[in-house]
N, C-alpha and C. Protein backbone atom coordinates (compact mmCIF):
# COMPACT_ATOMS: atom_id res chain seq x y z
N UNK A 1 59.66 -74.53 47.43
CA UNK A 1 59.55 -75.97 47.59
C UNK A 1 60.92 -76.53 47.99
N UNK A 2 60.99 -77.23 49.09
CA UNK A 2 62.23 -77.86 49.52
C UNK A 2 62.19 -79.33 49.13
N UNK A 3 63.21 -79.76 48.46
CA UNK A 3 63.33 -81.15 48.03
C UNK A 3 64.34 -81.85 48.93
N UNK A 4 64.27 -83.18 49.01
CA UNK A 4 65.27 -83.90 49.82
C UNK A 4 66.66 -83.70 49.24
N UNK A 5 67.67 -83.75 50.09
CA UNK A 5 69.04 -83.53 49.65
C UNK A 5 69.55 -84.68 48.78
N UNK A 6 68.92 -85.83 48.88
CA UNK A 6 69.32 -86.99 48.09
C UNK A 6 68.19 -87.32 47.12
N UNK A 7 68.51 -87.35 45.83
CA UNK A 7 67.50 -87.64 44.82
C UNK A 7 67.98 -88.78 43.93
N UNK A 8 67.04 -89.58 43.47
CA UNK A 8 67.39 -90.69 42.59
C UNK A 8 67.56 -90.18 41.16
N UNK A 9 68.23 -90.98 40.37
CA UNK A 9 68.39 -90.66 38.96
C UNK A 9 67.02 -90.51 38.30
N UNK A 10 66.09 -91.35 38.69
CA UNK A 10 64.74 -91.29 38.15
C UNK A 10 64.06 -89.97 38.52
N UNK A 11 64.18 -89.54 39.80
CA UNK A 11 63.62 -88.25 40.21
C UNK A 11 64.23 -87.11 39.41
N UNK A 12 65.54 -87.19 39.17
CA UNK A 12 66.21 -86.14 38.40
C UNK A 12 65.62 -86.06 37.00
N UNK A 13 65.38 -87.21 36.40
CA UNK A 13 64.81 -87.26 35.06
C UNK A 13 63.37 -86.73 35.04
N UNK A 14 62.57 -87.15 36.01
CA UNK A 14 61.15 -86.81 36.02
C UNK A 14 60.84 -85.41 36.56
N UNK A 15 61.68 -84.91 37.46
CA UNK A 15 61.41 -83.63 38.12
C UNK A 15 62.53 -82.63 37.88
N UNK A 16 63.14 -82.70 36.70
CA UNK A 16 64.32 -81.87 36.44
C UNK A 16 64.04 -80.37 36.60
N UNK A 17 62.87 -79.91 36.18
CA UNK A 17 62.58 -78.47 36.30
C UNK A 17 62.56 -78.04 37.77
N UNK A 18 61.84 -78.79 38.61
CA UNK A 18 61.79 -78.46 40.04
C UNK A 18 63.17 -78.51 40.67
N UNK A 19 63.94 -79.52 40.29
CA UNK A 19 65.28 -79.69 40.87
C UNK A 19 66.20 -78.57 40.42
N UNK A 20 66.18 -78.23 39.14
CA UNK A 20 67.04 -77.15 38.65
C UNK A 20 66.62 -75.80 39.24
N UNK A 21 65.32 -75.59 39.46
CA UNK A 21 64.87 -74.36 40.13
C UNK A 21 65.43 -74.29 41.54
N UNK A 22 65.44 -75.43 42.24
CA UNK A 22 65.99 -75.47 43.60
C UNK A 22 67.49 -75.21 43.59
N UNK A 23 68.20 -75.76 42.59
CA UNK A 23 69.64 -75.52 42.48
C UNK A 23 69.89 -74.03 42.25
N UNK A 24 69.07 -73.43 41.41
CA UNK A 24 69.22 -72.00 41.14
C UNK A 24 69.05 -71.17 42.41
N UNK A 25 68.24 -71.66 43.34
CA UNK A 25 68.02 -70.97 44.61
C UNK A 25 69.08 -71.32 45.66
N UNK A 26 70.04 -72.18 45.29
CA UNK A 26 71.16 -72.48 46.19
C UNK A 26 71.15 -73.86 46.82
N UNK A 27 70.16 -74.70 46.51
CA UNK A 27 70.11 -76.03 47.11
C UNK A 27 71.04 -76.98 46.36
N UNK A 28 71.66 -77.90 47.09
CA UNK A 28 72.54 -78.92 46.51
C UNK A 28 71.90 -80.29 46.67
N UNK A 29 72.26 -81.20 45.77
CA UNK A 29 71.70 -82.55 45.79
C UNK A 29 72.78 -83.60 45.57
N UNK A 30 72.58 -84.76 46.16
CA UNK A 30 73.35 -85.95 45.84
C UNK A 30 72.45 -86.82 44.99
N UNK A 31 72.93 -87.18 43.81
CA UNK A 31 72.14 -88.00 42.90
C UNK A 31 72.55 -89.47 43.11
N UNK A 32 71.54 -90.32 43.27
CA UNK A 32 71.81 -91.74 43.52
C UNK A 32 71.28 -92.60 42.38
N UNK A 33 71.88 -93.78 42.23
CA UNK A 33 71.39 -94.79 41.31
C UNK A 33 71.40 -96.11 42.06
N UNK A 34 70.26 -96.73 42.15
CA UNK A 34 70.17 -97.97 42.91
C UNK A 34 70.51 -97.78 44.37
N UNK A 35 70.26 -96.58 44.90
CA UNK A 35 70.54 -96.29 46.31
C UNK A 35 71.99 -95.91 46.59
N UNK A 36 72.86 -95.96 45.57
CA UNK A 36 74.28 -95.60 45.75
C UNK A 36 74.54 -94.19 45.25
N UNK A 37 75.23 -93.36 46.01
CA UNK A 37 75.56 -92.01 45.55
C UNK A 37 76.41 -92.06 44.29
N UNK A 38 76.01 -91.28 43.28
CA UNK A 38 76.73 -91.27 42.01
C UNK A 38 77.38 -89.91 41.71
N UNK A 39 76.82 -88.84 42.23
CA UNK A 39 77.36 -87.52 41.94
C UNK A 39 76.63 -86.45 42.73
N UNK A 40 77.11 -85.23 42.54
CA UNK A 40 76.50 -84.11 43.23
C UNK A 40 76.05 -83.07 42.22
N UNK A 41 74.95 -82.45 42.52
CA UNK A 41 74.42 -81.36 41.71
C UNK A 41 74.46 -80.14 42.61
N UNK A 42 75.34 -79.20 42.28
CA UNK A 42 75.54 -78.03 43.14
C UNK A 42 75.41 -76.75 42.32
N UNK A 43 74.97 -75.66 42.94
CA UNK A 43 74.87 -74.40 42.21
C UNK A 43 76.25 -73.84 41.89
N UNK A 44 76.39 -73.27 40.71
CA UNK A 44 77.64 -72.63 40.33
C UNK A 44 77.71 -71.19 40.81
N UNK A 45 76.57 -70.54 40.82
CA UNK A 45 76.52 -69.16 41.28
C UNK A 45 75.99 -69.13 42.69
N UNK A 46 76.66 -68.42 43.51
CA UNK A 46 76.22 -68.26 44.89
C UNK A 46 75.32 -67.03 44.97
N UNK A 47 74.50 -67.02 45.96
CA UNK A 47 73.63 -65.87 46.16
C UNK A 47 74.46 -64.68 46.63
N UNK A 48 73.93 -63.51 46.44
CA UNK A 48 74.61 -62.28 46.85
C UNK A 48 74.88 -62.30 48.34
N UNK A 49 76.07 -61.91 48.70
CA UNK A 49 76.45 -61.81 50.11
C UNK A 49 76.71 -60.33 50.40
N UNK A 50 76.02 -59.81 51.38
CA UNK A 50 76.19 -58.40 51.71
C UNK A 50 77.56 -58.16 52.35
N UNK A 51 77.95 -56.92 52.38
CA UNK A 51 79.23 -56.55 52.99
C UNK A 51 79.26 -56.98 54.46
N UNK A 52 78.15 -56.80 55.16
CA UNK A 52 78.06 -57.16 56.57
C UNK A 52 78.22 -58.67 56.75
N UNK A 53 77.53 -59.46 55.91
CA UNK A 53 77.65 -60.91 56.00
C UNK A 53 79.08 -61.35 55.71
N UNK A 54 79.72 -60.73 54.71
CA UNK A 54 81.09 -61.07 54.37
C UNK A 54 82.03 -60.75 55.53
N UNK A 55 81.84 -59.59 56.13
CA UNK A 55 82.69 -59.18 57.26
C UNK A 55 82.53 -60.15 58.42
N UNK A 56 81.31 -60.55 58.73
CA UNK A 56 81.08 -61.51 59.82
C UNK A 56 81.72 -62.86 59.52
N UNK A 57 81.61 -63.32 58.28
CA UNK A 57 82.18 -64.61 57.90
C UNK A 57 83.71 -64.56 57.87
N UNK A 58 84.27 -63.36 57.68
CA UNK A 58 85.72 -63.22 57.57
C UNK A 58 86.42 -62.94 58.89
N UNK A 59 85.67 -62.81 59.97
CA UNK A 59 86.27 -62.45 61.25
C UNK A 59 87.36 -63.41 61.70
N UNK A 60 87.20 -64.68 61.40
CA UNK A 60 88.15 -65.69 61.87
C UNK A 60 89.11 -66.15 60.79
N UNK A 61 89.17 -65.42 59.69
CA UNK A 61 90.09 -65.78 58.61
C UNK A 61 91.52 -65.48 59.04
N UNK A 62 92.44 -66.22 58.46
CA UNK A 62 93.86 -66.01 58.77
C UNK A 62 94.31 -64.64 58.25
N UNK A 63 95.25 -64.04 58.95
CA UNK A 63 95.81 -62.77 58.53
C UNK A 63 96.81 -63.02 57.41
N UNK A 64 96.72 -62.22 56.36
CA UNK A 64 97.65 -62.33 55.24
C UNK A 64 98.70 -61.24 55.39
N UNK A 65 99.96 -61.64 55.38
CA UNK A 65 101.06 -60.69 55.46
C UNK A 65 101.47 -60.36 54.03
N UNK A 66 101.21 -59.13 53.63
CA UNK A 66 101.37 -58.72 52.25
C UNK A 66 102.79 -58.94 51.71
N UNK A 67 103.81 -58.60 52.49
CA UNK A 67 105.18 -58.74 52.01
C UNK A 67 105.54 -60.21 51.77
N UNK A 68 105.14 -61.07 52.69
CA UNK A 68 105.41 -62.50 52.52
C UNK A 68 104.65 -63.08 51.34
N UNK A 69 103.42 -62.64 51.17
CA UNK A 69 102.61 -63.11 50.04
C UNK A 69 103.25 -62.69 48.72
N UNK A 70 103.65 -61.42 48.64
CA UNK A 70 104.30 -60.95 47.41
C UNK A 70 105.60 -61.69 47.15
N UNK A 71 106.39 -61.95 48.19
CA UNK A 71 107.65 -62.65 48.01
C UNK A 71 107.42 -64.06 47.49
N UNK A 72 106.42 -64.75 48.03
CA UNK A 72 106.16 -66.11 47.55
C UNK A 72 105.63 -66.10 46.12
N UNK A 73 104.84 -65.10 45.77
CA UNK A 73 104.36 -64.99 44.39
C UNK A 73 105.51 -64.69 43.44
N UNK A 74 106.39 -63.78 43.84
CA UNK A 74 107.55 -63.46 43.00
C UNK A 74 108.45 -64.69 42.81
N UNK A 75 108.64 -65.45 43.87
CA UNK A 75 109.48 -66.65 43.77
C UNK A 75 108.85 -67.68 42.83
N UNK A 76 107.55 -67.85 42.93
CA UNK A 76 106.86 -68.80 42.05
C UNK A 76 106.92 -68.33 40.60
N UNK A 77 106.77 -67.03 40.38
CA UNK A 77 106.82 -66.49 39.03
C UNK A 77 108.23 -66.63 38.46
N UNK A 78 109.24 -66.40 39.27
CA UNK A 78 110.62 -66.50 38.79
C UNK A 78 110.92 -67.92 38.33
N UNK A 79 110.45 -68.91 39.06
CA UNK A 79 110.66 -70.31 38.66
C UNK A 79 110.00 -70.56 37.32
N UNK A 80 108.81 -70.02 37.13
CA UNK A 80 108.08 -70.23 35.88
C UNK A 80 108.78 -69.54 34.72
N UNK A 81 109.48 -68.41 34.97
CA UNK A 81 110.13 -67.68 33.91
C UNK A 81 111.52 -68.19 33.59
N UNK A 82 112.09 -68.97 34.46
CA UNK A 82 113.44 -69.50 34.20
C UNK A 82 113.43 -70.38 32.94
N UNK A 83 114.50 -70.32 32.18
CA UNK A 83 114.63 -71.14 30.98
C UNK A 83 114.95 -72.57 31.41
N UNK A 84 114.08 -73.52 31.12
CA UNK A 84 114.33 -74.91 31.55
C UNK A 84 115.54 -75.52 30.86
N UNK A 85 116.02 -74.92 29.73
CA UNK A 85 117.16 -75.48 29.00
C UNK A 85 118.48 -74.81 29.38
N UNK A 86 118.38 -73.75 30.18
CA UNK A 86 119.61 -73.07 30.62
C UNK A 86 120.31 -73.93 31.65
N UNK A 87 121.63 -74.06 31.51
CA UNK A 87 122.39 -74.89 32.46
C UNK A 87 123.53 -74.12 33.04
């Protein structure tokens, strides 16, 4: 069952089982009150993504340079480990 992407507060109250079942299947909703958007209801768990789907989705991702990434992490960690009272 596909529900509209925008649901009223009243619909949420009256049809909560159907709506939560749809959320569990990956559907998201904008909840309205008096016709004004009040919040979003989104799934916390995503559906399983196969290795092939992940590879296709990652084709245009930025390249990560391992040495630069490690250096920036080390620098951030060093700042966190420094004694704030040392002068």
